[in-house]
Amino acid sequence: MKAKITQGAQPKDFQSGALTIQQRAFMAYVRTLQFMKTRLKGIDEGEAVHIDQKEIEKRFFVWPQNPRKQALDELIAAGELVITNQVNPISGRSMLMYKAVNPDSWPIELRLLNKKVTNYCTHTKLMQAHLLRVSLPPGAPSTPYFDFFLQNRSYGLDYFFTVDAFAGRVHTPVTNFHRSYRTNLLIDAMPTVGLDVTTMQPLLLGKILKDRIGENVYSAWIESGEDIYIKLQQAAGLATRDEGKKRFFEILFAPPNRSLADMFGKADWITWINEYKRTHEPGNPHSKAKQYSNLAWLLQSTEVKTMRKVWQALNEADIPFLSVHDEIIVKELKRHQAESLFRNILDNEFSYYKLNVKETISGTQTPPQAIIPPQADRAPQAATEAEIWQVIEQQFNTRLNPDVWLNPGKTSDEIYYDLQVLTDDCRINYGLDITPDQYYHAFKWKESTVNNTKGTAT
């Protein structure tokens, strides 16, 4: 049985199809919000969306000329709208969710979206303009959301370009595009290559630790080009390199952990990390509710500072590029110039690094600076949503605050950030290696189960 549907009384003398301008605008808004959620990989456009009651009354059905309840009841009676009362299984909060029954009957209207005003700097403004130069070869794999971006970007790039409030990362349809599809991207109808920094997060941590506490064993490992996961494995007496990798992600994302101090012999760098995760960090917008996100914030914001220097160098050299966090995508013919500029920046930031060049022309690849370590073993995969949910329950019953994660009403970028951190936590603390998509679908499976139970009881 489906979640309880909020059924409105049949309005007197109402005829199906006789919708007002305000009702049609509202349905287009619901449809648009549903579609824009597809930028999150694996999330279906048919999912219901939360809209605040005050926004509905202010923008669409203004009292007393257009009573909200009557207008919504008429849409339900016309078979165009479903309103459900969804309960977040983690926080227990209840919110009204809206879904267009016939989504293909309504246009996607970007002008209806509330676009936050962002003051871009010179270089991010140029990055935004580079999106106008992107295309795909005929027949290349794509997604409905990316196709929609290509067709509608000239209407308003602000709808497709955001700088997140957490650490200043840039998000575009390219950053959300499937990794395997990005190799087909064209700039000015010309083939591209990608340049990224291998193991950027471990490198940044080494830099930060040296800046904060001076010489330390972790930074020394990084600067000497050691395989950091093997060094962590050896230092902690772990069985495999993969265990060392899990400990690294625990260092990054988990709450302050006493076992880490025991495992690494109370090393000064572990002590600093645990203390930093207990301290209020004014720069971290999540610090008040999630102090242990301080290190994740510091790493991402430091990454952005480094990449901004790369963006500036490319813009000053008049090289159009696309950004995917610690990666840049440039025209193949600009590969060597872009690589030289990228290296100049990295040389000043790190004592050791490895720049990876993707899809390069044979014979021109930069010699590797280190032996690429063997691929880590993957933890066992959960077979069903129910099995994944068992781990999620453990997360929130014993360790995490349910009030700050995956709440309805969050933006898609905020939700995807939550999913990335939560799946890292699953891998670190529970040995469950799943994708954000798998986590999200298990969460939605449980949400539907909770609401079905409530609907049956009602």
Protein backbone atom coordinates (compact mmCIF):
# COMPACT_ATOMS: atom_id res chain seq x y z
CA MET A 1 0.00 0.00 0.00
CA LYS A 2 1.29 3.44 -0.88
CA ALA A 3 1.87 6.29 1.53
CA LYS A 4 -1.28 7.99 2.72
CA ILE A 5 -2.53 10.44 0.12
CA THR A 6 -3.95 13.74 1.28
CA GLN A 7 -7.30 13.66 -0.47
CA GLY A 8 -9.19 16.93 -0.88
CA ALA A 9 -12.95 17.20 -0.89
CA GLN A 10 -14.51 17.37 -4.33
CA PRO A 11 -14.98 21.13 -5.01
CA LYS A 12 -18.49 22.09 -5.99
CA ASP A 13 -19.09 22.44 -9.75
CA PHE A 14 -15.40 21.75 -10.49
CA GLN A 15 -14.67 20.37 -13.96
CA SER A 16 -11.49 18.43 -14.69
CA GLY A 17 -9.15 20.44 -16.91
CA ALA A 18 -10.56 23.82 -15.90
CA LEU A 19 -7.38 24.92 -14.16
CA THR A 20 -6.46 28.48 -13.32
CA ILE A 21 -3.23 30.20 -14.39
CA GLN A 22 -1.97 29.90 -10.81
CA GLN A 23 -2.70 26.16 -10.71
CA ARG A 24 -0.95 25.60 -14.01
CA ALA A 25 2.08 27.55 -12.82
CA PHE A 26 2.21 25.50 -9.62
CA MET A 27 2.07 22.21 -11.53
CA ALA A 28 4.88 23.40 -13.82
CA TYR A 29 6.87 24.24 -10.68
CA VAL A 30 6.34 20.77 -9.21
CA ARG A 31 7.33 19.16 -12.50
CA THR A 32 10.46 21.35 -12.75
CA LEU A 33 11.59 20.56 -9.22
CA GLN A 34 11.10 16.83 -9.86
CA PHE A 35 13.13 16.95 -13.04
CA MET A 36 15.99 18.98 -11.57
CA LYS A 37 16.51 16.26 -8.97
CA THR A 38 17.78 14.05 -11.79
CA ARG A 39 21.13 15.83 -11.66
CA LEU A 40 21.74 13.52 -8.70
CA LYS A 41 22.92 10.29 -10.29
CA GLY A 42 20.40 7.49 -10.01
CA ILE A 43 17.53 9.56 -8.61
CA ASP A 44 14.27 9.24 -10.54
CA GLU A 45 12.56 12.39 -11.77
CA GLY A 46 9.23 10.95 -10.65
CA GLU A 47 10.02 11.36 -6.96
CA ALA A 48 7.89 13.73 -4.93
CA VAL A 49 9.37 17.07 -3.85
CA HIS A 50 8.95 19.16 -0.71
CA ILE A 51 7.65 22.72 -1.07
CA ASP A 52 7.22 24.97 1.94
CA GLN A 53 3.62 26.01 2.65
CA LYS A 54 4.62 29.67 2.98
CA GLU A 55 6.24 29.59 -0.45
CA ILE A 56 3.09 28.09 -1.99
CA GLU A 57 0.89 30.79 -0.45
CA LYS A 58 3.26 33.62 -1.32
CA ARG A 59 4.04 32.65 -4.92
CA PHE A 60 1.02 30.76 -6.24
CA PHE A 61 -2.16 30.84 -4.15
CA VAL A 62 -2.42 34.16 -2.33
CA TRP A 63 -5.11 34.45 0.30
CA PRO A 64 -7.94 35.44 0.03
CA GLN A 65 -8.15 35.71 -3.78
CA ASN A 66 -6.79 32.17 -4.33
CA PRO A 67 -7.25 29.94 -1.26
CA ARG A 68 -4.39 27.43 -1.17
CA LYS A 69 -6.38 24.47 0.17
CA GLN A 70 -9.13 24.79 -2.40
CA ALA A 71 -6.65 25.19 -5.27
CA LEU A 72 -4.73 22.10 -4.21
CA ASP A 73 -7.92 20.10 -3.65
CA GLU A 74 -8.99 20.91 -7.20
CA LEU A 75 -5.64 19.72 -8.59
CA ILE A 76 -6.01 16.45 -6.67
CA ALA A 77 -9.59 16.03 -7.91
CA ALA A 78 -8.44 16.66 -11.48
CA GLY A 79 -5.99 13.77 -11.17
CA GLU A 80 -2.96 16.02 -11.66
CA LEU A 81 -1.46 16.16 -8.17
CA VAL A 82 -0.68 13.77 -5.34
CA ILE A 83 0.22 15.09 -1.91
CA THR A 84 1.80 12.67 0.54
CA ASN A 85 2.87 13.05 4.12
CA GLN A 86 6.41 11.67 4.13
CA VAL A 87 8.19 10.80 7.37
CA ASN A 88 11.97 10.96 7.41
CA PRO A 89 12.93 7.56 8.90
CA ILE A 90 16.07 9.02 10.46
CA SER A 91 14.82 12.24 12.08
CA GLY A 92 11.14 11.28 12.37
CA ARG A 93 10.12 14.60 10.84
CA SER A 94 7.02 14.76 8.70
CA MET A 95 6.74 16.91 5.59
CA LEU A 96 4.21 17.36 2.80
CA MET A 97 5.55 16.13 -0.54
CA TYR A 98 4.11 17.01 -3.95
CA LYS A 99 4.15 14.92 -7.10
CA ALA A 100 2.86 15.57 -10.61
CA VAL A 101 0.75 12.56 -11.64
CA ASN A 102 1.21 13.33 -15.35
CA PRO A 103 4.68 14.95 -15.50
CA ASP A 104 4.87 14.90 -19.29
CA SER A 105 1.80 17.16 -19.42
CA TRP A 106 3.66 20.02 -17.77
CA PRO A 107 6.59 22.10 -19.05
CA ILE A 108 9.91 22.42 -17.27
CA GLU A 109 10.05 26.12 -16.42
CA LEU A 110 13.45 27.23 -15.13
CA ARG A 111 12.14 30.75 -14.51
CA LEU A 112 9.99 29.38 -11.70
CA LEU A 113 13.00 28.19 -9.71
CA ASN A 114 14.28 30.26 -6.82
CA LYS A 115 17.84 30.90 -7.95
CA LYS A 116 20.08 32.13 -5.18
CA VAL A 117 22.08 35.21 -6.07
CA THR A 118 25.79 34.36 -6.08
CA ASN A 119 28.62 36.87 -6.38
CA TYR A 120 31.06 35.06 -8.62
CA CYS A 121 34.67 36.14 -8.82
CA THR A 122 36.25 36.90 -12.18
CA HIS A 123 37.54 33.37 -12.65
CA THR A 124 34.40 31.51 -11.62
CA LYS A 125 32.42 33.79 -13.94
CA LEU A 126 34.69 32.76 -16.81
CA MET A 127 34.33 29.10 -15.79
CA GLN A 128 30.59 29.52 -15.99
CA ALA A 129 30.89 30.97 -19.51
CA HIS A 130 32.98 27.96 -20.60
CA LEU A 131 29.85 25.82 -20.21
CA LEU A 132 28.49 27.47 -23.37
CA ARG A 133 31.32 25.83 -25.34
CA VAL A 134 30.55 22.25 -24.28
CA SER A 135 28.99 19.64 -26.55
CA LEU A 136 28.87 15.88 -27.17
CA PRO A 137 29.56 13.96 -30.39
CA PRO A 138 26.47 12.57 -32.15
CA GLY A 139 25.38 9.33 -30.53
CA ALA A 140 27.50 9.78 -27.39
CA PRO A 141 25.90 8.47 -24.18
CA SER A 142 24.18 11.10 -22.08
CA THR A 143 21.47 11.65 -19.46
CA PRO A 144 18.14 13.51 -19.68
CA TYR A 145 19.44 16.16 -17.29
CA PHE A 146 22.65 16.77 -19.29
CA ASP A 147 20.67 16.94 -22.54
CA PHE A 148 18.32 19.46 -20.92
CA PHE A 149 21.34 21.52 -19.86
CA LEU A 150 22.70 21.58 -23.42
CA GLN A 151 19.32 22.68 -24.77
CA ASN A 152 18.58 25.35 -22.15
CA ARG A 153 21.91 26.76 -20.95
CA SER A 154 21.60 29.89 -23.07
CA TYR A 155 18.44 30.76 -21.14
CA GLY A 156 20.34 31.13 -17.88
CA LEU A 157 23.62 29.55 -16.81
CA ASP A 158 22.94 30.41 -13.17
CA TYR A 159 20.53 27.48 -13.05
CA PHE A 160 23.37 25.11 -13.95
CA PHE A 161 26.30 26.60 -12.03
CA THR A 162 26.62 26.80 -8.25
CA VAL A 163 29.38 27.43 -5.74
CA ASP A 164 28.56 25.44 -2.61
CA ALA A 165 28.36 27.09 0.78
CA PHE A 166 30.30 24.33 2.51
CA ALA A 167 33.76 24.78 1.02
CA GLY A 168 33.34 26.77 -2.18
CA ARG A 169 33.40 23.84 -4.59
CA VAL A 170 31.98 24.49 -8.04
CA HIS A 171 29.09 22.27 -9.18
CA THR A 172 27.93 22.07 -12.81
CA PRO A 173 26.25 19.49 -15.06
CA VAL A 174 29.80 18.32 -15.88
CA THR A 175 30.63 17.50 -12.23
CA ASN A 176 27.39 15.48 -12.01
CA PHE A 177 27.91 13.79 -15.39
CA HIS A 178 28.77 10.10 -15.29
CA ARG A 179 32.55 9.64 -15.14
CA SER A 180 32.58 7.24 -18.08
CA TYR A 181 30.58 9.74 -20.17
CA ARG A 182 32.93 12.67 -19.50
CA THR A 183 35.58 11.22 -21.82
CA ASN A 184 33.26 12.15 -24.72
CA LEU A 185 32.97 15.84 -23.84
CA LEU A 186 33.95 18.36 -26.48
CA ILE A 187 35.03 21.98 -26.03
CA ASP A 188 34.43 24.10 -29.14
CA ALA A 189 33.60 20.79 -30.88
CA MET A 190 37.15 19.51 -30.21
CA PRO A 191 38.20 16.41 -28.20
CA THR A 192 39.35 16.86 -24.62
CA VAL A 193 41.68 15.37 -22.02
CA GLY A 194 41.42 15.40 -18.24
CA LEU A 195 44.18 16.32 -15.78
CA ASP A 196 43.81 15.49 -12.10
CA VAL A 197 45.90 15.05 -8.98
CA THR A 198 46.19 11.47 -7.77
CA THR A 199 45.23 10.99 -4.08
CA MET A 200 44.57 14.70 -3.61
CA GLN A 201 43.01 14.28 -0.15
CA PRO A 202 46.03 12.48 1.39
CA LEU A 203 48.34 15.10 -0.18
CA LEU A 204 46.30 17.96 1.25
CA LEU A 205 46.25 16.38 4.70
CA GLY A 206 50.05 16.14 4.65
CA LYS A 207 50.32 19.81 3.71
CA ILE A 208 47.83 20.89 6.38
CA LEU A 209 49.51 18.88 9.14
CA LYS A 210 52.92 20.31 8.36
CA ASP A 211 51.48 23.84 8.39
CA ARG A 212 49.64 23.26 11.69
CA ILE A 213 52.05 21.15 13.79
CA GLY A 214 55.34 21.20 11.90
CA GLU A 215 57.36 18.11 11.05
CA ASN A 216 55.43 14.90 11.60
CA VAL A 217 55.59 11.32 10.40
CA TYR A 218 52.46 11.51 8.20
CA SER A 219 53.71 14.54 6.24
CA ALA A 220 57.10 12.85 5.91
CA TRP A 221 55.44 9.81 4.33
CA ILE A 222 53.63 12.04 1.83
CA GLU A 223 56.71 14.10 0.94
CA SER A 224 58.77 10.98 0.30
CA GLY A 225 56.18 9.59 -2.11
CA GLU A 226 55.22 6.61 0.02
CA ASP A 227 52.03 4.66 -0.58
CA ILE A 228 50.11 6.28 2.27
CA TYR A 229 47.67 3.40 2.70
CA ILE A 230 50.49 0.88 3.10
CA LYS A 231 52.23 3.17 5.60
CA LEU A 232 49.03 3.44 7.64
CA GLN A 233 48.62 -0.33 7.43
CA GLN A 234 52.14 -0.86 8.75
CA ALA A 235 51.94 1.81 11.45
CA ALA A 236 48.69 0.44 12.83
CA GLY A 237 49.59 -3.23 12.43
CA LEU A 238 46.71 -3.92 10.06
CA ALA A 239 46.37 -7.00 7.89
CA THR A 240 45.90 -5.39 4.46
CA ARG A 241 46.43 -2.18 2.51
CA ASP A 242 42.67 -1.91 2.19
CA GLU A 243 42.40 -1.75 5.99
CA GLY A 244 44.89 1.11 5.89
CA LYS A 245 42.70 2.89 3.35
CA LYS A 246 39.63 2.44 5.56
CA ARG A 247 41.53 3.95 8.49
CA PHE A 248 42.44 6.93 6.32
CA PHE A 249 38.80 7.68 5.54
CA GLU A 250 37.98 7.27 9.21
CA ILE A 251 40.64 9.87 9.98
CA LEU A 252 38.97 12.21 7.47
CA PHE A 253 35.25 11.78 8.07
CA ALA A 254 34.49 9.96 11.31
CA PRO A 255 33.93 11.64 14.71
CA PRO A 256 36.97 11.94 17.05
CA ASN A 257 38.03 8.38 17.63
CA ARG A 258 39.88 7.14 20.67
CA SER A 259 40.78 3.91 18.92
CA LEU A 260 42.79 5.88 16.35
CA ALA A 261 45.05 7.22 19.08
CA ASP A 262 45.54 3.70 20.42
CA MET A 263 46.09 2.30 16.95
CA PHE A 264 48.76 4.84 15.94
CA GLY A 265 50.45 5.10 19.32
CA LYS A 266 49.01 8.54 20.14
CA ALA A 267 50.91 10.14 17.28
CA ASP A 268 50.99 13.93 17.32
CA TRP A 269 49.19 14.17 13.99
CA ILE A 270 46.31 11.95 15.20
CA THR A 271 46.08 13.99 18.41
CA TRP A 272 45.79 17.22 16.41
CA ILE A 273 43.10 15.74 14.13
CA ASN A 274 40.98 14.51 17.04
CA GLU A 275 41.27 17.86 18.82
CA TYR A 276 40.42 19.78 15.65
CA LYS A 277 37.26 17.68 15.24
CA ARG A 278 36.14 18.73 18.73
CA THR A 279 36.77 22.45 18.18
CA HIS A 280 34.33 25.00 16.83
CA GLU A 281 35.63 26.05 13.41
CA PRO A 282 34.13 29.45 12.44
CA GLY A 283 34.79 28.86 8.74
CA ASN A 284 32.89 25.56 8.63
CA PRO A 285 29.15 26.21 8.15
CA HIS A 286 28.38 22.75 9.59
CA SER A 287 30.64 23.08 12.63
CA LYS A 288 27.89 23.90 15.10
CA ALA A 289 25.94 20.70 14.41
CA LYS A 290 28.75 18.49 13.10
CA GLN A 291 32.12 19.53 14.52
CA TYR A 292 33.69 16.34 13.24
CA SER A 293 33.10 17.66 9.69
CA ASN A 294 35.81 20.28 10.38
CA LEU A 295 38.56 18.26 8.75
CA ALA A 296 36.46 17.45 5.67
CA TRP A 297 35.71 21.18 5.38
CA LEU A 298 39.39 22.12 5.80
CA LEU A 299 40.50 19.61 3.17
CA GLN A 300 37.87 20.70 0.63
CA SER A 301 38.40 24.42 1.19
CA THR A 302 42.19 23.95 0.87
CA GLU A 303 41.60 22.01 -2.34
CA VAL A 304 39.50 24.90 -3.67
CA LYS A 305 42.23 27.44 -2.81
CA THR A 306 44.75 25.37 -4.75
CA MET A 307 42.47 24.83 -7.71
CA ARG A 308 41.56 28.52 -7.86
CA LYS A 309 45.22 29.21 -8.65
CA VAL A 310 45.01 26.66 -11.47
CA TRP A 311 41.79 28.23 -12.78
CA GLN A 312 43.39 31.67 -12.74
CA ALA A 313 46.45 30.46 -14.64
CA LEU A 314 44.29 28.80 -17.30
CA ASN A 315 42.06 31.84 -17.69
CA GLU A 316 45.04 34.17 -18.00
CA ALA A 317 46.43 31.87 -20.71
CA ASP A 318 43.05 31.97 -22.49
CA ILE A 319 42.61 28.20 -22.19
CA PRO A 320 38.92 27.23 -21.86
CA PHE A 321 38.40 24.43 -19.34
CA LEU A 322 35.83 22.51 -17.33
CA SER A 323 36.27 21.75 -13.64
CA VAL A 324 35.48 18.57 -11.70
CA HIS A 325 36.83 19.48 -8.23
CA ASP A 326 40.54 18.48 -8.38
CA GLU A 327 40.36 17.80 -12.12
CA ILE A 328 40.37 20.07 -15.15
CA ILE A 329 39.22 19.12 -18.64
CA VAL A 330 40.81 20.97 -21.57
CA LYS A 331 41.07 20.63 -25.33
CA GLU A 332 43.44 17.89 -26.34
CA LEU A 333 45.53 20.34 -28.35
CA LYS A 334 45.98 22.49 -25.21
CA ARG A 335 46.99 19.52 -23.07
CA HIS A 336 50.75 20.28 -22.80
CA GLN A 337 50.30 23.97 -22.06
CA ALA A 338 47.61 23.26 -19.48
CA GLU A 339 49.71 20.52 -17.88
CA SER A 340 52.68 22.89 -17.59
CA LEU A 341 50.55 25.54 -15.88
CA PHE A 342 48.99 22.95 -13.57
CA ARG A 343 52.44 21.63 -12.60
CA ASN A 344 53.75 25.12 -11.88
CA ILE A 345 51.00 25.55 -9.29
CA LEU A 346 51.44 22.09 -7.79
CA ASP A 347 55.24 22.53 -7.55
CA ASN A 348 54.64 25.46 -5.20
CA GLU A 349 52.02 23.60 -3.16
CA PHE A 350 53.49 20.12 -2.66
CA SER A 351 56.90 18.52 -2.27
CA TYR A 352 55.53 15.42 -3.96
CA TYR A 353 52.52 14.81 -6.20
CA LYS A 354 51.43 12.80 -9.22
CA LEU A 355 49.47 14.47 -12.01
CA ASN A 356 47.31 12.01 -13.89
CA VAL A 357 46.57 12.63 -17.57
CA LYS A 358 43.45 10.91 -18.92
CA GLU A 359 42.81 9.98 -22.51
CA THR A 360 46.13 11.33 -23.78
CA ILE A 361 47.65 10.85 -27.23
CA SER A 362 49.94 7.82 -27.35
CA GLY A 363 53.58 8.68 -26.76
CA THR A 364 52.99 11.98 -24.99
CA GLN A 365 52.03 10.84 -21.51
CA THR A 366 54.11 12.25 -18.66
CA PRO A 367 56.31 9.58 -17.04
CA PRO A 368 54.82 8.50 -13.72
CA GLN A 369 56.42 9.91 -10.59
CA ALA A 370 55.61 6.90 -8.44
CA ILE A 371 54.64 3.25 -8.79
CA ILE A 372 50.88 3.01 -8.89
CA PRO A 373 49.82 0.83 -5.95
CA PRO A 374 47.61 -2.21 -6.51
CA GLN A 375 43.88 -1.63 -6.49
CA ALA A 376 42.36 -2.03 -3.04
CA ASP A 377 40.05 -4.91 -2.30
CA ARG A 378 36.42 -3.93 -2.05
CA ALA A 379 34.41 -4.72 1.02
CA PRO A 380 31.47 -7.13 0.67
CA GLN A 381 28.49 -5.68 -1.13
CA ALA A 382 25.02 -5.63 0.40
CA ALA A 383 22.50 -7.50 -1.75
CA THR A 384 19.32 -5.67 -0.79
CA GLU A 385 17.99 -2.36 0.49
CA ALA A 386 17.01 -4.15 3.72
CA GLU A 387 20.61 -5.21 4.38
CA ILE A 388 21.90 -1.72 3.71
CA TRP A 389 19.23 -0.27 5.99
CA GLN A 390 20.44 -2.47 8.85
CA VAL A 391 23.76 -0.65 8.69
CA ILE A 392 22.07 2.76 8.37
CA GLU A 393 20.09 2.01 11.53
CA GLN A 394 23.31 1.25 13.38
CA GLN A 395 24.78 4.56 12.19
CA PHE A 396 21.97 6.65 13.57
CA ASN A 397 21.07 4.60 16.64
CA THR A 398 24.58 4.61 18.04
CA ARG A 399 26.71 7.37 16.53
CA LEU A 400 25.16 10.04 14.32
CA ASN A 401 22.70 12.85 15.05
CA PRO A 402 19.60 12.15 12.91
CA ASP A 403 18.49 15.80 12.93
CA VAL A 404 21.23 16.98 10.56
CA TRP A 405 21.32 14.32 7.82
CA LEU A 406 19.17 13.86 4.70
CA ASN A 407 16.27 15.97 5.90
CA PRO A 408 13.51 16.78 3.38
CA GLY A 409 13.82 20.32 2.09
CA LYS A 410 17.61 20.19 1.62
CA THR A 411 18.99 21.09 -1.80
CA SER A 412 20.20 18.26 -4.03
CA ASP A 413 23.82 19.37 -3.58
CA GLU A 414 23.41 19.26 0.21
CA ILE A 415 21.83 15.81 -0.01
CA TYR A 416 24.61 14.48 -2.22
CA TYR A 417 27.26 15.82 0.17
CA ASP A 418 25.47 14.00 3.01
CA LEU A 419 25.36 10.80 0.97
CA GLN A 420 29.08 10.92 0.22
CA VAL A 421 29.98 11.33 3.89
CA LEU A 422 27.49 8.68 5.03
CA THR A 423 28.71 6.08 2.55
CA ASP A 424 32.31 6.76 3.59
CA ASP A 425 31.20 6.17 7.17
CA CYS A 426 29.58 2.85 6.12
CA ARG A 427 32.84 1.73 4.55
CA ILE A 428 35.02 2.92 7.43
CA ASN A 429 33.08 1.75 10.45
CA TYR A 430 30.91 -1.09 9.15
CA GLY A 431 32.89 -2.63 6.28
CA LEU A 432 30.05 -1.92 3.84
CA ASP A 433 31.30 -0.56 0.50
CA ILE A 434 28.32 0.99 -1.30
CA THR A 435 27.72 3.96 -3.57
CA PRO A 436 25.75 7.09 -2.62
CA ASP A 437 23.04 5.89 -5.02
CA GLN A 438 22.70 2.56 -3.18
CA TYR A 439 22.53 4.35 0.16
CA TYR A 440 19.89 6.74 -1.17
CA HIS A 441 17.70 3.98 -2.58
CA ALA A 442 17.88 2.03 0.71
CA PHE A 443 16.88 5.21 2.53
CA LYS A 444 13.93 5.77 0.16
CA TRP A 445 12.95 2.10 0.48
CA LYS A 446 12.71 2.46 4.24
CA GLU A 447 10.91 5.81 3.91
CA SER A 448 8.25 4.19 1.73
CA THR A 449 7.95 1.29 4.18
CA VAL A 450 7.42 3.68 7.11
CA ASN A 451 4.84 5.69 5.21
CA ASN A 452 3.04 2.60 3.94
CA THR A 453 2.71 1.41 7.52
CA LYS A 454 1.35 4.79 8.61
CA GLY A 455 -1.05 4.81 5.68
CA THR A 456 -2.35 1.33 6.53
CA ALA A 457 -2.81 2.30 10.16
CA THR A 458 -4.70 5.40 9.12
